[in-house]
Each structure stands twice: as structure tokens, then as C-alpha cells.
Amino acid sequence: MATTYTPEVDARLREDCAQIMSRYPEGHERSALIPMLHLVQSEDGYVSPAGIALCAELLGLDRSEVSAVATFYSQFRRHPSGTYHVGVCTNALCAVMGGDSIWEAVTESTGIGNDEVTEDGVISLERVECNAACDFAPVVMVNWEFFDNQTPASAVDMIERLRRGEDVTPTRGPETLPTFKENERVLAGFEDGRADEGPGAGKPTVLGLELARANGWTAPVNQEEAK
């Protein structure tokens, strides 16, 4: 695998990295590593050897230090992801609500398993421990966008539409699903102008707050903190 970028790509990434690093106080530029790794993924679709080398050089780190961060966080991929990275939650509540059945259906329909990519490069699959959206279980995420209250049939249909090149709308978020690389650039801190598209928190998410307000419920006060 290449450990360097072409001159054109290298210059562009260095410019973006400089912008990311400038967000942090002088002497704390190493804090920029995580968004810089997302930037690498927006270019390569994974944390590539060239990306690791670039981050290490710019931040004054060893490549092993960069790799240690990239292997710790599950959002960082170590080999190319599909254009659409599908994460099916099979943990606890989602599993009980049908997550395991969804996983079986999508692996059968795509012919791939966990951390694998379809031959056409469009879909990669990940069996996720938790998508942090239990109020909408079972949940599937694609490129970190939510598809709530899924069934085996709806998840397979969504994937098939993506493979046909059709636009798909997440349950919450942008009106059309961005690609993996497009959303990775957003995670690197470069806005795409779509933050206000689509619905945000749904009714199940705020139901507890609405009930508390209707009944005058408040959180107990810590007497020590109140003094």
C-alpha cells in the first residue's frame, strides 16, 4: 500500500489539516488528531498508511501513536469501507426488538459479513454494539445517519436501493443520505450546509421530558451542591 499521497492530494490535505490544527491552542495541536483521522477517511475511505504517515508528520507523533488512536475508536476503519457503511445494532434492546433478524437478512442479501465489503464496493457491513438510539429500536445506521424502527424487509430494501444508485432518506438528518466520505469530512469539522435538513429528535426521544413538564416533575436537588 502507498505510504504517500500524490502531490496534488498531499497539498490539499495539508491545507485542510492546517485549518483543523488552527482550531486548537498553541502547544495543543495534538488534540487535532481525531478530526484529522476523519479527514483521512474522507479522502481514502479508511485510515490508510499514507494518512497515518501524514498525521504523524504534521503532529510530531510516531506512526504507532497515530495507529493506537485509530485502532481504539470503532468509527475509524482499517481497510476501505463501502460507499455506504451499514451498521446494524444487535445489542440488548435492538436484538430483542429484531436486530438479530435484521442482521441475518442483510448478510444474506449482500453475501457479506461483519467488516466486509460487497464486490461492487457500494456496501460494507458492521455488527454494532450500540447505536445510542434505543428509543427507536431496532436501529440501523448508514454512514452514521439513523434509520429507526427497522425490520428485516425495510433494511434489505434500503440497501438494495443504495446499490441501485437511488437516493435514500434517513429517518432523522439530511434529506438524502451522504456517502461515507462526505460524512467523514463533516466529522473532520468541515460543514456541508445540511445541518438543518430533516427532523431532529423524534417524539420517543423527548417523551420523558414532555411527561415531566406536564406533571411538574423535577430532578432531585443535591443538598450539598445547593449550599
Protein backbone atom coordinates (compact mmCIF):
# COMPACT_ATOMS: atom_id res chain seq x y z
CA MET A 1 0.00 0.00 0.00
CA ALA A 2 1.16 3.53 -0.78
CA THR A 3 2.51 5.44 2.20
CA THR A 4 2.43 8.81 0.45
CA TYR A 5 -0.16 10.81 -1.47
CA THR A 6 0.17 12.31 -4.92
CA PRO A 7 1.49 15.90 -4.78
CA GLU A 8 -1.94 17.36 -5.53
CA VAL A 9 -3.76 15.35 -2.85
CA ASP A 10 -0.93 15.88 -0.37
CA ALA A 11 -1.10 19.67 -0.78
CA ARG A 12 -4.88 19.71 -0.37
CA LEU A 13 -4.83 17.54 2.74
CA ARG A 14 -2.04 19.58 4.31
CA GLU A 15 -4.10 22.73 3.82
CA ASP A 16 -7.13 21.11 5.44
CA CYS A 17 -5.01 19.72 8.29
CA ALA A 18 -3.57 23.18 8.94
CA GLN A 19 -7.10 24.51 9.26
CA ILE A 20 -8.01 21.74 11.70
CA MET A 21 -4.88 22.29 13.79
CA SER A 22 -5.55 26.02 13.96
CA ARG A 23 -8.69 25.34 15.99
CA TYR A 24 -6.59 24.27 18.97
CA PRO A 25 -4.44 26.44 21.29
CA GLU A 26 -0.76 26.69 20.52
CA GLY A 27 1.06 23.75 22.02
CA HIS A 28 -2.05 21.53 21.94
CA GLU A 29 -2.12 20.73 18.23
CA ARG A 30 -2.04 17.01 19.00
CA SER A 31 -5.68 17.34 20.02
CA ALA A 32 -6.41 17.67 16.30
CA LEU A 33 -5.56 14.00 15.65
CA ILE A 34 -9.11 12.62 15.76
CA PRO A 35 -10.61 15.12 13.28
CA MET A 36 -7.52 14.69 11.10
CA LEU A 37 -8.14 10.93 11.00
CA HIS A 38 -11.71 11.63 9.91
CA LEU A 39 -10.24 13.85 7.19
CA VAL A 40 -8.06 10.93 6.06
CA GLN A 41 -11.15 8.73 5.87
CA SER A 42 -12.93 11.39 3.80
CA GLU A 43 -10.13 11.01 1.26
CA ASP A 44 -9.39 7.27 1.36
CA GLY A 45 -12.50 5.70 2.89
CA TYR A 46 -10.38 4.33 5.74
CA VAL A 47 -7.33 5.22 7.84
CA SER A 48 -4.70 4.48 5.23
CA PRO A 49 -0.92 4.10 5.68
CA ALA A 50 -0.47 7.38 3.80
CA GLY A 51 -2.94 9.09 6.13
CA ILE A 52 -1.21 7.74 9.21
CA ALA A 53 2.14 8.97 7.93
CA LEU A 54 0.76 12.44 7.17
CA CYS A 55 -0.89 12.83 10.60
CA ALA A 56 2.26 11.62 12.34
CA GLU A 57 4.46 14.07 10.45
CA LEU A 58 2.25 17.11 10.99
CA LEU A 59 1.63 16.44 14.69
CA GLY A 60 5.13 15.27 15.61
CA LEU A 61 3.95 11.80 16.56
CA ASP A 62 5.22 8.32 15.86
CA ARG A 63 3.15 6.35 13.39
CA SER A 64 2.50 3.82 16.15
CA GLU A 65 0.92 6.57 18.27
CA VAL A 66 -1.42 7.52 15.42
CA SER A 67 -2.27 3.87 14.82
CA ALA A 68 -3.02 3.40 18.52
CA VAL A 69 -5.74 6.06 18.32
CA ALA A 70 -7.08 4.77 15.01
CA THR A 71 -7.45 1.23 16.38
CA PHE A 72 -9.10 2.36 19.63
CA TYR A 73 -12.15 4.09 18.17
CA SER A 74 -14.62 1.97 16.22
CA GLN A 75 -15.52 4.76 13.77
CA PHE A 76 -12.05 4.51 12.26
CA ARG A 77 -11.80 1.81 9.62
CA ARG A 78 -8.54 -0.04 8.91
CA HIS A 79 -9.42 -1.10 5.37
CA PRO A 80 -11.65 0.52 2.74
CA SER A 81 -15.32 0.87 3.60
CA GLY A 82 -18.13 0.79 1.11
CA THR A 83 -19.64 3.95 -0.29
CA TYR A 84 -22.34 3.24 2.28
CA HIS A 85 -21.22 1.73 5.57
CA VAL A 86 -24.15 -0.06 7.20
CA GLY A 87 -24.08 -0.68 10.94
CA VAL A 88 -26.75 -2.97 12.38
CA CYS A 89 -27.24 -2.78 16.13
CA THR A 90 -27.57 -6.23 17.71
CA ASN A 91 -27.01 -5.20 21.32
CA ALA A 92 -29.56 -5.75 24.11
CA LEU A 93 -32.75 -3.85 23.25
CA CYS A 94 -32.21 -3.77 19.48
CA ALA A 95 -31.52 -7.50 19.49
CA VAL A 96 -34.70 -8.19 21.47
CA MET A 97 -36.69 -5.97 19.11
CA GLY A 98 -35.40 -7.73 16.00
CA GLY A 99 -31.82 -6.60 15.43
CA ASP A 100 -30.53 -10.16 15.09
CA SER A 101 -33.13 -10.89 12.42
CA ILE A 102 -32.16 -7.71 10.56
CA TRP A 103 -28.51 -8.72 10.65
CA GLU A 104 -29.29 -12.17 9.26
CA ALA A 105 -31.38 -10.63 6.49
CA VAL A 106 -28.80 -8.05 5.37
CA THR A 107 -25.90 -10.52 5.43
CA GLU A 108 -27.91 -12.98 3.35
CA SER A 109 -28.98 -10.30 0.84
CA THR A 110 -25.49 -8.82 0.41
CA GLY A 111 -23.49 -12.03 0.71
CA ILE A 112 -21.02 -10.42 3.12
CA GLY A 113 -20.43 -10.50 6.87
CA ASN A 114 -19.10 -8.22 9.56
CA ASP A 115 -16.36 -5.82 8.41
CA GLU A 116 -16.67 -6.94 4.79
CA VAL A 117 -17.42 -5.05 1.57
CA THR A 118 -19.53 -6.06 -1.43
CA GLU A 119 -17.65 -6.72 -4.67
CA ASP A 120 -19.10 -3.55 -6.23
CA GLY A 121 -17.71 -1.51 -3.32
CA VAL A 122 -21.07 0.04 -2.53
CA ILE A 123 -21.93 -1.60 0.81
CA SER A 124 -19.88 -2.56 3.84
CA LEU A 125 -21.39 -4.12 6.94
CA GLU A 126 -20.66 -3.80 10.63
CA ARG A 127 -22.33 -5.54 13.54
CA VAL A 128 -22.61 -2.65 16.01
CA GLU A 129 -22.76 -2.98 19.79
CA CYS A 130 -24.92 0.13 20.24
CA ASN A 131 -26.13 2.97 18.03
CA ALA A 132 -27.24 5.05 21.06
CA ALA A 133 -30.82 5.25 19.81
CA CYS A 134 -32.60 2.66 21.95
CA ASP A 135 -35.85 4.67 21.91
CA PHE A 136 -36.16 3.81 18.21
CA ALA A 137 -35.06 0.16 18.36
CA PRO A 138 -34.21 -1.72 16.25
CA VAL A 139 -31.87 0.79 14.62
CA VAL A 140 -29.60 0.67 11.59
CA MET A 141 -27.06 3.39 10.86
CA VAL A 142 -25.65 4.14 7.41
CA ASN A 143 -22.64 6.44 7.30
CA TRP A 144 -23.60 7.42 10.87
CA GLU A 145 -27.13 8.51 9.84
CA PHE A 146 -30.13 6.95 11.60
CA PHE A 147 -32.66 4.55 10.13
CA ASP A 148 -35.07 3.95 13.01
CA ASN A 149 -37.65 1.26 13.76
CA GLN A 150 -36.30 -1.07 11.09
CA THR A 151 -37.47 -4.51 10.03
CA PRO A 152 -35.56 -7.12 8.04
CA ALA A 153 -37.57 -6.18 4.96
CA SER A 154 -37.08 -2.42 5.30
CA ALA A 155 -33.33 -2.75 5.92
CA VAL A 156 -32.84 -5.03 2.91
CA ASP A 157 -34.94 -2.72 0.74
CA MET A 158 -32.88 0.29 1.80
CA ILE A 159 -29.61 -1.48 0.96
CA GLU A 160 -30.92 -2.67 -2.40
CA ARG A 161 -31.96 0.89 -3.28
CA LEU A 162 -28.49 2.15 -2.41
CA ARG A 163 -26.91 -0.50 -4.61
CA ARG A 164 -29.17 0.63 -7.48
CA GLY A 165 -27.94 4.19 -7.04
CA GLU A 166 -31.22 5.56 -5.72
CA ASP A 167 -31.49 8.37 -3.16
CA VAL A 168 -32.39 7.19 0.32
CA THR A 169 -33.67 9.42 3.13
CA PRO A 170 -32.60 8.73 6.73
CA THR A 171 -35.24 8.76 9.46
CA ARG A 172 -33.52 11.77 11.01
CA GLY A 173 -31.00 14.13 9.49
CA PRO A 174 -30.32 15.13 5.87
CA GLU A 175 -32.93 14.76 3.18
CA THR A 176 -30.71 12.42 1.18
CA LEU A 177 -28.06 10.09 2.52
CA PRO A 178 -24.47 11.38 2.16
CA THR A 179 -21.70 8.98 1.20
CA PHE A 180 -19.26 7.66 3.78
CA LYS A 181 -16.54 10.02 2.57
CA GLU A 182 -18.88 13.03 2.56
CA ASN A 183 -19.93 12.44 6.17
CA GLU A 184 -16.34 11.80 7.23
CA ARG A 185 -15.43 15.29 6.02
CA VAL A 186 -18.24 16.67 8.17
CA LEU A 187 -16.84 14.77 11.17
CA ALA A 188 -13.48 16.36 10.40
CA GLY A 189 -15.16 19.70 11.05
CA PHE A 190 -15.96 20.93 7.54
CA GLU A 191 -19.66 21.78 7.36
CA ASP A 192 -21.70 20.66 4.38
CA GLY A 193 -24.55 23.13 4.89
CA ARG A 194 -27.07 20.36 5.63
CA ALA A 195 -27.26 20.58 9.43
CA ASP A 196 -30.81 21.95 9.39
CA GLU A 197 -32.23 19.42 6.94
CA GLY A 198 -34.79 16.87 8.03
CA PRO A 199 -36.16 16.11 11.50
CA GLY A 200 -34.05 16.04 14.64
CA ALA A 201 -35.07 14.36 17.88
CA GLY A 202 -38.26 12.34 17.46
CA LYS A 203 -41.23 12.05 19.81
CA PRO A 204 -39.94 8.98 21.70
CA THR A 205 -36.73 10.87 22.50
CA VAL A 206 -38.48 13.80 24.18
CA LEU A 207 -41.45 11.90 25.65
CA GLY A 208 -39.91 11.75 29.12
CA LEU A 209 -39.28 15.49 29.08
CA GLU A 210 -42.86 16.19 27.99
CA LEU A 211 -44.28 13.98 30.77
CA ALA A 212 -42.07 15.66 33.36
CA ARG A 213 -43.20 19.11 32.30
CA ALA A 214 -46.87 18.10 32.21
CA ASN A 215 -46.67 16.64 35.72
CA GLY A 216 -44.36 19.23 37.25
CA TRP A 217 -41.64 16.65 37.87
CA THR A 218 -38.14 17.91 38.52
CA ALA A 219 -34.82 16.26 39.25
CA PRO A 220 -33.95 15.96 42.95
CA VAL A 221 -31.61 18.63 44.22
CA ASN A 222 -28.27 17.61 45.67
CA GLN A 223 -28.34 19.37 49.01
CA GLU A 224 -24.56 19.64 49.16
CA GLU A 225 -24.44 21.29 45.76
CA ALA A 226 -27.33 23.60 46.67
CA LYS A 227 -25.45 25.10 49.64
